[in-house]
């Protein structure tokens, strides 16, 4: 039996339960965790965190990845602070790796929840559609790898949107995981490196410059990667117009 058929046989409540839980937790977390998951909270607890890391490194890594994944999975405030914390606690490397793994796990949870609730049904209906809707779905399917990399690389695309949209157009799970893991590497490395320098920031009483990703020396290479990701789509379009 196909995933679509299995989803059809589920009751509406069961289909929507995962997304409903995410939305409910996100709404509560937006009001209750804003101060807890903040730069000020990190600054106030930095010595205790470093001491716990030094005494329990493996446990700290596991707990950090689990908490970061939960923040992403439930769209809680503090994902950027979590990335900075990864750099602060574990340096740029392996901190960036821990951040990427955690963000990918959380993103995958949202993807699966969306696909369980609506994605399979919507994708199946789009596949069965003709006309404009069918052509849009076909175009997305022909360029899935490129589109997935683009929405991860472009800093302006909200992370939650980049997790939700692929589920609604029938992207395979493994393709989503691979493109998420690889696509978030540039941004994760940048923000993790900022976190790795928080010791000096704390000492001076300043706040980190989170706009660094939009600095030309950082943004231009990322835009270059975006251009490379979009190049195959451009070539396909050009060949289609020329009838090649």
C-alpha atoms as a PDB file:
ATOM      1  CA  UNK A   1       0.000   0.000   0.000  1.00  0.00           C
ATOM      2  CA  UNK A   2       1.347   3.451  -0.860  1.00  0.00           C
ATOM      3  CA  UNK A   3       2.108   6.147   1.677  1.00  0.00           C
ATOM      4  CA  UNK A   4      -0.737   8.172   0.215  1.00  0.00           C
ATOM      5  CA  UNK A   5      -3.240   5.345   0.736  1.00  0.00           C
ATOM      6  CA  UNK A   6      -2.025   4.799   4.271  1.00  0.00           C
ATOM      7  CA  UNK A   7      -2.416   8.493   5.029  1.00  0.00           C
ATOM      8  CA  UNK A   8      -5.898   8.534   3.508  1.00  0.00           C
ATOM      9  CA  UNK A   9      -6.995   5.736   5.850  1.00  0.00           C
ATOM     10  CA  UNK A  10      -5.953   7.672   8.936  1.00  0.00           C
ATOM     11  CA  UNK A  11      -8.447   9.830  10.773  1.00  0.00           C
ATOM     12  CA  UNK A  12      -8.113  13.614  10.407  1.00  0.00           C
ATOM     13  CA  UNK A  13      -7.072  13.986  14.051  1.00  0.00           C
ATOM     14  CA  UNK A  14      -4.300  11.419  13.748  1.00  0.00           C
ATOM     15  CA  UNK A  15      -3.017  12.982  10.516  1.00  0.00           C
ATOM     16  CA  UNK A  16      -2.848  16.461  11.965  1.00  0.00           C
ATOM     17  CA  UNK A  17      -1.662  15.534  15.465  1.00  0.00           C
ATOM     18  CA  UNK A  18       2.136  15.877  14.818  1.00  0.00           C
ATOM     19  CA  UNK A  19       1.790  19.334  13.259  1.00  0.00           C
ATOM     20  CA  UNK A  20      -0.712  20.400  15.920  1.00  0.00           C
ATOM     21  CA  UNK A  21       1.755  19.430  18.661  1.00  0.00           C
ATOM     22  CA  UNK A  22       4.545  21.390  16.952  1.00  0.00           C
ATOM     23  CA  UNK A  23       2.360  24.483  16.585  1.00  0.00           C
ATOM     24  CA  UNK A  24       1.150  24.274  20.188  1.00  0.00           C
ATOM     25  CA  UNK A  25       4.641  23.841  21.639  1.00  0.00           C
ATOM     26  CA  UNK A  26       5.984  26.622  19.399  1.00  0.00           C
ATOM     27  CA  UNK A  27       3.247  28.995  20.600  1.00  0.00           C
ATOM     28  CA  UNK A  28       3.890  28.223  24.259  1.00  0.00           C
ATOM     29  CA  UNK A  29       7.660  28.342  23.802  1.00  0.00           C
ATOM     30  CA  UNK A  30       7.522  31.727  22.101  1.00  0.00           C
ATOM     31  CA  UNK A  31       6.243  33.239  25.346  1.00  0.00           C
ATOM     32  CA  UNK A  32       7.890  31.081  28.003  1.00  0.00           C
ATOM     33  CA  UNK A  33      11.376  30.359  26.643  1.00  0.00           C
ATOM     34  CA  UNK A  34      12.349  33.673  25.063  1.00  0.00           C
ATOM     35  CA  UNK A  35      14.384  34.783  28.083  1.00  0.00           C
ATOM     36  CA  UNK A  36      15.804  31.330  28.781  1.00  0.00           C
ATOM     37  CA  UNK A  37      17.082  30.801  25.227  1.00  0.00           C
ATOM     38  CA  UNK A  38      18.762  34.177  24.874  1.00  0.00           C
ATOM     39  CA  UNK A  39      22.217  35.674  24.583  1.00  0.00           C
ATOM     40  CA  UNK A  40      21.857  37.151  28.060  1.00  0.00           C
ATOM     41  CA  UNK A  41      21.104  33.708  29.532  1.00  0.00           C
ATOM     42  CA  UNK A  42      24.139  32.250  27.755  1.00  0.00           C
ATOM     43  CA  UNK A  43      26.354  35.047  29.081  1.00  0.00           C
ATOM     44  CA  UNK A  44      25.065  34.580  32.632  1.00  0.00           C
ATOM     45  CA  UNK A  45      25.609  30.809  32.614  1.00  0.00           C
ATOM     46  CA  UNK A  46      28.769  30.582  30.517  1.00  0.00           C
ATOM     47  CA  UNK A  47      31.094  29.545  33.349  1.00  0.00           C
ATOM     48  CA  UNK A  48      28.744  26.819  34.575  1.00  0.00           C
ATOM     49  CA  UNK A  49      28.335  25.496  31.028  1.00  0.00           C
ATOM     50  CA  UNK A  50      32.092  25.374  30.446  1.00  0.00           C
ATOM     51  CA  UNK A  51      32.652  23.634  33.775  1.00  0.00           C
ATOM     52  CA  UNK A  52      29.991  21.022  33.025  1.00  0.00           C
ATOM     53  CA  UNK A  53      31.466  20.464  29.544  1.00  0.00           C
ATOM     54  CA  UNK A  54      34.940  19.948  30.955  1.00  0.00           C
ATOM     55  CA  UNK A  55      33.660  17.426  33.494  1.00  0.00           C
ATOM     56  CA  UNK A  56      31.166  15.620  31.205  1.00  0.00           C
ATOM     57  CA  UNK A  57      32.173  16.160  27.584  1.00  0.00           C
ATOM     58  CA  UNK A  58      30.286  13.249  25.995  1.00  0.00           C
ATOM     59  CA  UNK A  59      27.122  13.932  27.973  1.00  0.00           C
ATOM     60  CA  UNK A  60      27.359  17.622  27.072  1.00  0.00           C
ATOM     61  CA  UNK A  61      27.614  16.829  23.368  1.00  0.00           C
ATOM     62  CA  UNK A  62      24.645  14.439  23.477  1.00  0.00           C
ATOM     63  CA  UNK A  63      22.515  16.846  25.520  1.00  0.00           C
ATOM     64  CA  UNK A  64      23.415  19.779  23.305  1.00  0.00           C
ATOM     65  CA  UNK A  65      22.480  17.957  20.091  1.00  0.00           C
ATOM     66  CA  UNK A  66      19.212  16.722  21.616  1.00  0.00           C
ATOM     67  CA  UNK A  67      18.217  20.171  22.912  1.00  0.00           C
ATOM     68  CA  UNK A  68      19.164  21.902  19.663  1.00  0.00           C
ATOM     69  CA  UNK A  69      17.171  19.341  17.652  1.00  0.00           C
ATOM     70  CA  UNK A  70      14.139  19.950  19.897  1.00  0.00           C
ATOM     71  CA  UNK A  71      14.458  23.726  19.433  1.00  0.00           C
ATOM     72  CA  UNK A  72      14.398  23.292  15.659  1.00  0.00           C
ATOM     73  CA  UNK A  73      11.745  20.566  15.634  1.00  0.00           C
ATOM     74  CA  UNK A  74       9.303  22.677  17.660  1.00  0.00           C
ATOM     75  CA  UNK A  75      10.331  26.006  16.068  1.00  0.00           C
ATOM     76  CA  UNK A  76      11.225  27.397  19.474  1.00  0.00           C
ATOM     77  CA  UNK A  77      13.008  30.732  19.851  1.00  0.00           C
ATOM     78  CA  UNK A  78      16.762  30.415  20.294  1.00  0.00           C
ATOM     79  CA  UNK A  79      18.030  28.451  17.263  1.00  0.00           C
ATOM     80  CA  UNK A  80      20.622  31.138  16.546  1.00  0.00           C
ATOM     81  CA  UNK A  81      21.683  31.209  20.202  1.00  0.00           C
ATOM     82  CA  UNK A  82      21.982  27.420  20.111  1.00  0.00           C
ATOM     83  CA  UNK A  83      24.293  27.685  17.096  1.00  0.00           C
ATOM     84  CA  UNK A  84      26.430  30.257  18.897  1.00  0.00           C
ATOM     85  CA  UNK A  85      26.480  28.022  21.959  1.00  0.00           C
ATOM     86  CA  UNK A  86      27.774  25.163  19.850  1.00  0.00           C
ATOM     87  CA  UNK A  87      30.713  27.306  18.809  1.00  0.00           C
ATOM     88  CA  UNK A  88      31.248  28.635  22.330  1.00  0.00           C
ATOM     89  CA  UNK A  89      31.318  25.170  23.902  1.00  0.00           C
ATOM     90  CA  UNK A  90      33.015  23.116  21.196  1.00  0.00           C
ATOM     91  CA  UNK A  91      34.915  25.637  18.986  1.00  0.00           C
ATOM     92  CA  UNK A  92      34.287  26.026  15.266  1.00  0.00           C
ATOM     93  CA  UNK A  93      35.088  22.351  14.808  1.00  0.00           C
ATOM     94  CA  UNK A  94      33.596  20.043  15.963  1.00  0.00           C
ATOM     95  CA  UNK A  95      31.009  22.631  17.030  1.00  0.00           C
ATOM     96  CA  UNK A  96      29.854  23.214  13.452  1.00  0.00           C
ATOM     97  CA  UNK A  97      29.385  19.466  12.967  1.00  0.00           C
ATOM     98  CA  UNK A  98      27.293  19.193  16.142  1.00  0.00           C
ATOM     99  CA  UNK A  99      25.192  22.177  15.036  1.00  0.00           C
ATOM    100  CA  UNK A 100      24.612  20.744  11.563  1.00  0.00           C
ATOM    101  CA  UNK A 101      23.648  17.296  12.869  1.00  0.00           C
ATOM    102  CA  UNK A 102      21.246  18.783  15.420  1.00  0.00           C
ATOM    103  CA  UNK A 103      19.630  21.181  12.938  1.00  0.00           C
ATOM    104  CA  UNK A 104      19.226  18.377  10.396  1.00  0.00           C
ATOM    105  CA  UNK A 105      17.546  16.124  12.970  1.00  0.00           C
ATOM    106  CA  UNK A 106      15.135  18.879  13.984  1.00  0.00           C
ATOM    107  CA  UNK A 107      14.392  19.813  10.379  1.00  0.00           C
ATOM    108  CA  UNK A 108      13.693  16.173   9.542  1.00  0.00           C
ATOM    109  CA  UNK A 109      11.185  15.984  12.403  1.00  0.00           C
ATOM    110  CA  UNK A 110       9.236  18.945  10.977  1.00  0.00           C
ATOM    111  CA  UNK A 111       9.437  17.446   7.483  1.00  0.00           C
ATOM    112  CA  UNK A 112       8.032  14.113   8.646  1.00  0.00           C
ATOM    113  CA  UNK A 113       5.278  15.767  10.671  1.00  0.00           C
ATOM    114  CA  UNK A 114       4.205  17.868   7.682  1.00  0.00           C
ATOM    115  CA  UNK A 115       4.313  14.932   5.285  1.00  0.00           C
ATOM    116  CA  UNK A 116       2.347  12.772   7.696  1.00  0.00           C
ATOM    117  CA  UNK A 117      -0.375  15.374   8.034  1.00  0.00           C
ATOM    118  CA  UNK A 118      -0.711  16.847   4.575  1.00  0.00           C
ATOM    119  CA  UNK A 119       2.324  16.341   2.387  1.00  0.00           C
ATOM    120  CA  UNK A 120       1.552  12.903   0.921  1.00  0.00           C
ATOM    121  CA  UNK A 121      -2.059  13.865   0.196  1.00  0.00           C
ATOM    122  CA  UNK A 122      -1.145  17.176  -1.419  1.00  0.00           C
ATOM    123  CA  UNK A 123       1.705  15.716  -3.463  1.00  0.00           C
ATOM    124  CA  UNK A 124      -0.504  12.902  -4.746  1.00  0.00           C
ATOM    125  CA  UNK A 125      -3.193  15.368  -5.797  1.00  0.00           C
ATOM    126  CA  UNK A 126      -0.618  17.573  -7.526  1.00  0.00           C
ATOM    127  CA  UNK A 127       0.723  14.527  -9.386  1.00  0.00           C
ATOM    128  CA  UNK A 128      -2.783  13.706 -10.556  1.00  0.00           C
ATOM    129  CA  UNK A 129      -3.484  17.279 -11.631  1.00  0.00           C
ATOM    130  CA  UNK A 130      -3.267  18.544 -15.171  1.00  0.00           C
ATOM    131  CA  UNK A 131      -2.680  22.013 -16.536  1.00  0.00           C
ATOM    132  CA  UNK A 132      -0.745  24.614 -14.578  1.00  0.00           C
ATOM    133  CA  UNK A 133      -0.640  22.727 -11.278  1.00  0.00           C
ATOM    134  CA  UNK A 134       0.652  19.602 -12.966  1.00  0.00           C
ATOM    135  CA  UNK A 135       3.333  21.560 -14.828  1.00  0.00           C
ATOM    136  CA  UNK A 136       4.496  23.261 -11.617  1.00  0.00           C
ATOM    137  CA  UNK A 137       4.790  19.909  -9.838  1.00  0.00           C
ATOM    138  CA  UNK A 138       6.634  18.442 -12.812  1.00  0.00           C
ATOM    139  CA  UNK A 139       9.061  21.361 -12.845  1.00  0.00           C
ATOM    140  CA  UNK A 140       9.751  20.951  -9.146  1.00  0.00           C
ATOM    141  CA  UNK A 141      10.336  17.215  -9.544  1.00  0.00           C
ATOM    142  CA  UNK A 142      12.799  17.765 -12.399  1.00  0.00           C
ATOM    143  CA  UNK A 143      14.886  20.174 -10.322  1.00  0.00           C
ATOM    144  CA  UNK A 144      14.477  18.866  -6.783  1.00  0.00           C
ATOM    145  CA  UNK A 145      18.161  18.651  -5.900  1.00  0.00           C
ATOM    146  CA  UNK A 146      18.871  22.159  -7.183  1.00  0.00           C
ATOM    147  CA  UNK A 147      15.793  23.699  -5.537  1.00  0.00           C
ATOM    148  CA  UNK A 148      16.502  22.045  -2.199  1.00  0.00           C
ATOM    149  CA  UNK A 149      20.080  23.288  -2.156  1.00  0.00           C
ATOM    150  CA  UNK A 150      18.963  26.780  -3.125  1.00  0.00           C
ATOM    151  CA  UNK A 151      16.428  27.169  -0.327  1.00  0.00           C
ATOM    152  CA  UNK A 152      19.074  26.041   2.159  1.00  0.00           C
ATOM    153  CA  UNK A 153      21.843  28.274   0.830  1.00  0.00           C
ATOM    154  CA  UNK A 154      19.851  31.506   0.423  1.00  0.00           C
ATOM    155  CA  UNK A 155      20.035  33.286   3.823  1.00  0.00           C
ATOM    156  CA  UNK A 156      16.671  35.005   3.236  1.00  0.00           C
ATOM    157  CA  UNK A 157      14.638  31.753   3.221  1.00  0.00           C
ATOM    158  CA  UNK A 158      13.256  31.052   6.750  1.00  0.00           C
ATOM    159  CA  UNK A 159      14.420  27.696   8.087  1.00  0.00           C
ATOM    160  CA  UNK A 160      10.881  26.595   8.965  1.00  0.00           C
ATOM    161  CA  UNK A 161       9.702  27.314   5.405  1.00  0.00           C
ATOM    162  CA  UNK A 162      12.626  25.356   3.981  1.00  0.00           C
ATOM    163  CA  UNK A 163      11.557  22.397   6.143  1.00  0.00           C
ATOM    164  CA  UNK A 164       7.855  22.599   5.346  1.00  0.00           C
ATOM    165  CA  UNK A 165       7.711  23.195   1.586  1.00  0.00           C
ATOM    166  CA  UNK A 166       9.629  20.025   0.544  1.00  0.00           C
ATOM    167  CA  UNK A 167       7.184  17.892   2.536  1.00  0.00           C
ATOM    168  CA  UNK A 168       4.253  19.444   0.685  1.00  0.00           C
ATOM    169  CA  UNK A 169       5.629  18.652  -2.786  1.00  0.00           C
ATOM    170  CA  UNK A 170       6.586  15.030  -2.162  1.00  0.00           C
ATOM    171  CA  UNK A 171      10.373  15.278  -1.768  1.00  0.00           C
ATOM    172  CA  UNK A 172      11.860  11.885  -0.737  1.00  0.00           C
ATOM    173  CA  UNK A 173      13.084  11.742   2.852  1.00  0.00           C
ATOM    174  CA  UNK A 174      16.710  10.858   2.063  1.00  0.00           C
ATOM    175  CA  UNK A 175      16.970  13.636  -0.514  1.00  0.00           C
ATOM    176  CA  UNK A 176      15.658  16.098   2.049  1.00  0.00           C
ATOM    177  CA  UNK A 177      18.128  14.929   4.704  1.00  0.00           C
ATOM    178  CA  UNK A 178      21.147  15.039   2.378  1.00  0.00           C
ATOM    179  CA  UNK A 179      20.392  18.488   0.972  1.00  0.00           C
ATOM    180  CA  UNK A 180      19.596  19.855   4.419  1.00  0.00           C
ATOM    181  CA  UNK A 181      22.831  18.563   5.933  1.00  0.00           C
ATOM    182  CA  UNK A 182      25.007  19.815   3.076  1.00  0.00           C
ATOM    183  CA  UNK A 183      23.051  22.992   2.341  1.00  0.00           C
ATOM    184  CA  UNK A 184      23.256  24.433   5.851  1.00  0.00           C
ATOM    185  CA  UNK A 185      27.012  23.919   6.166  1.00  0.00           C
ATOM    186  CA  UNK A 186      28.073  27.437   5.010  1.00  0.00           C
ATOM    187  CA  UNK A 187      25.736  29.327   7.333  1.00  0.00           C
ATOM    188  CA  UNK A 188      26.380  26.951  10.227  1.00  0.00           C
ATOM    189  CA  UNK A 189      30.149  27.340   9.930  1.00  0.00           C
ATOM    190  CA  UNK A 190      29.846  31.153   9.874  1.00  0.00           C
ATOM    191  CA  UNK A 191      27.653  31.377  12.974  1.00  0.00           C
ATOM    192  CA  UNK A 192      29.589  28.655  14.798  1.00  0.00           C
ATOM    193  CA  UNK A 193      32.799  30.596  14.228  1.00  0.00           C
ATOM    194  CA  UNK A 194      31.088  33.664  15.712  1.00  0.00           C
ATOM    195  CA  UNK A 195      30.141  31.547  18.726  1.00  0.00           C
ATOM    196  CA  UNK A 196      33.714  30.311  19.057  1.00  0.00           C
ATOM    197  CA  UNK A 197      34.764  33.924  19.630  1.00  0.00           C
ATOM    198  CA  UNK A 198      32.178  34.642  22.315  1.00  0.00           C
ATOM    199  CA  UNK A 199      34.780  34.507  25.058  1.00  0.00           C
ATOM    200  CA  UNK A 200      36.201  37.834  23.880  1.00  0.00           C
ATOM    201  CA  UNK A 201      32.700  39.228  23.366  1.00  0.00           C
ATOM    202  CA  UNK A 202      31.706  38.338  26.924  1.00  0.00           C
ATOM    203  CA  UNK A 203      34.930  39.840  28.282  1.00  0.00           C
ATOM    204  CA  UNK A 204      34.277  43.150  26.530  1.00  0.00           C
ATOM    205  CA  UNK A 205      30.586  43.229  27.438  1.00  0.00           C
ATOM    206  CA  UNK A 206      29.511  43.462  23.791  1.00  0.00           C
ATOM    207  CA  UNK A 207      27.042  41.400  21.765  1.00  0.00           C
ATOM    208  CA  UNK A 208      27.986  39.227  18.767  1.00  0.00           C
ATOM    209  CA  UNK A 209      27.621  40.585  15.244  1.00  0.00           C
ATOM    210  CA  UNK A 210      24.978  38.256  13.760  1.00  0.00           C
ATOM    211  CA  UNK A 211      24.906  40.313  10.558  1.00  0.00           C
ATOM    212  CA  UNK A 212      28.306  38.929   9.633  1.00  0.00           C
ATOM    213  CA  UNK A 213      26.675  36.515   7.179  1.00  0.00           C
ATOM    214  CA  UNK A 214      25.659  39.511   5.061  1.00  0.00           C
ATOM    215  CA  UNK A 215      29.196  40.888   4.913  1.00  0.00           C
ATOM    216  CA  UNK A 216      30.552  40.777   1.333  1.00  0.00           C
ATOM    217  CA  UNK A 217      33.422  38.400   2.157  1.00  0.00           C
ATOM    218  CA  UNK A 218      30.895  35.902   3.565  1.00  0.00           C
ATOM    219  CA  UNK A 219      27.805  36.552   1.463  1.00  0.00           C
ATOM    220  CA  UNK A 220      29.521  36.526  -1.946  1.00  0.00           C
ATOM    221  CA  UNK A 221      30.870  32.952  -1.624  1.00  0.00           C
ATOM    222  CA  UNK A 222      27.431  31.782  -0.456  1.00  0.00           C
ATOM    223  CA  UNK A 223      25.802  33.512  -3.434  1.00  0.00           C
ATOM    224  CA  UNK A 224      28.383  31.799  -5.617  1.00  0.00           C
ATOM    225  CA  UNK A 225      27.220  28.447  -4.272  1.00  0.00           C
ATOM    226  CA  UNK A 226      23.632  29.512  -4.989  1.00  0.00           C
ATOM    227  CA  UNK A 227      24.606  30.280  -8.581  1.00  0.00           C
ATOM    228  CA  UNK A 228      26.215  26.852  -8.931  1.00  0.00           C
ATOM    229  CA  UNK A 229      23.077  25.200  -7.541  1.00  0.00           C
ATOM    230  CA  UNK A 230      20.886  27.164  -9.978  1.00  0.00           C
ATOM    231  CA  UNK A 231      23.144  26.573 -12.998  1.00  0.00           C
ATOM    232  CA  UNK A 232      21.705  23.143 -13.944  1.00  0.00           C
ATOM    233  CA  UNK A 233      18.173  24.590 -13.903  1.00  0.00           C
ATOM    234  CA  UNK A 234      19.285  27.451 -16.120  1.00  0.00           C
ATOM    235  CA  UNK A 235      20.896  25.055 -18.572  1.00  0.00           C
ATOM    236  CA  UNK A 236      17.772  22.904 -18.693  1.00  0.00           C
ATOM    237  CA  UNK A 237      15.642  25.969 -19.377  1.00  0.00           C
ATOM    238  CA  UNK A 238      18.019  27.163 -22.097  1.00  0.00           C
ATOM    239  CA  UNK A 239      18.096  23.758 -23.780  1.00  0.00           C
ATOM    240  CA  UNK A 240      14.296  23.553 -23.607  1.00  0.00           C
ATOM    241  CA  UNK A 241      13.918  26.895 -25.387  1.00  0.00           C
ATOM    242  CA  UNK A 242      16.430  25.914 -28.050  1.00  0.00           C
ATOM    243  CA  UNK A 243      14.838  22.491 -28.450  1.00  0.00           C
ATOM    244  CA  UNK A 244      18.099  20.709 -27.645  1.00  0.00           C
END
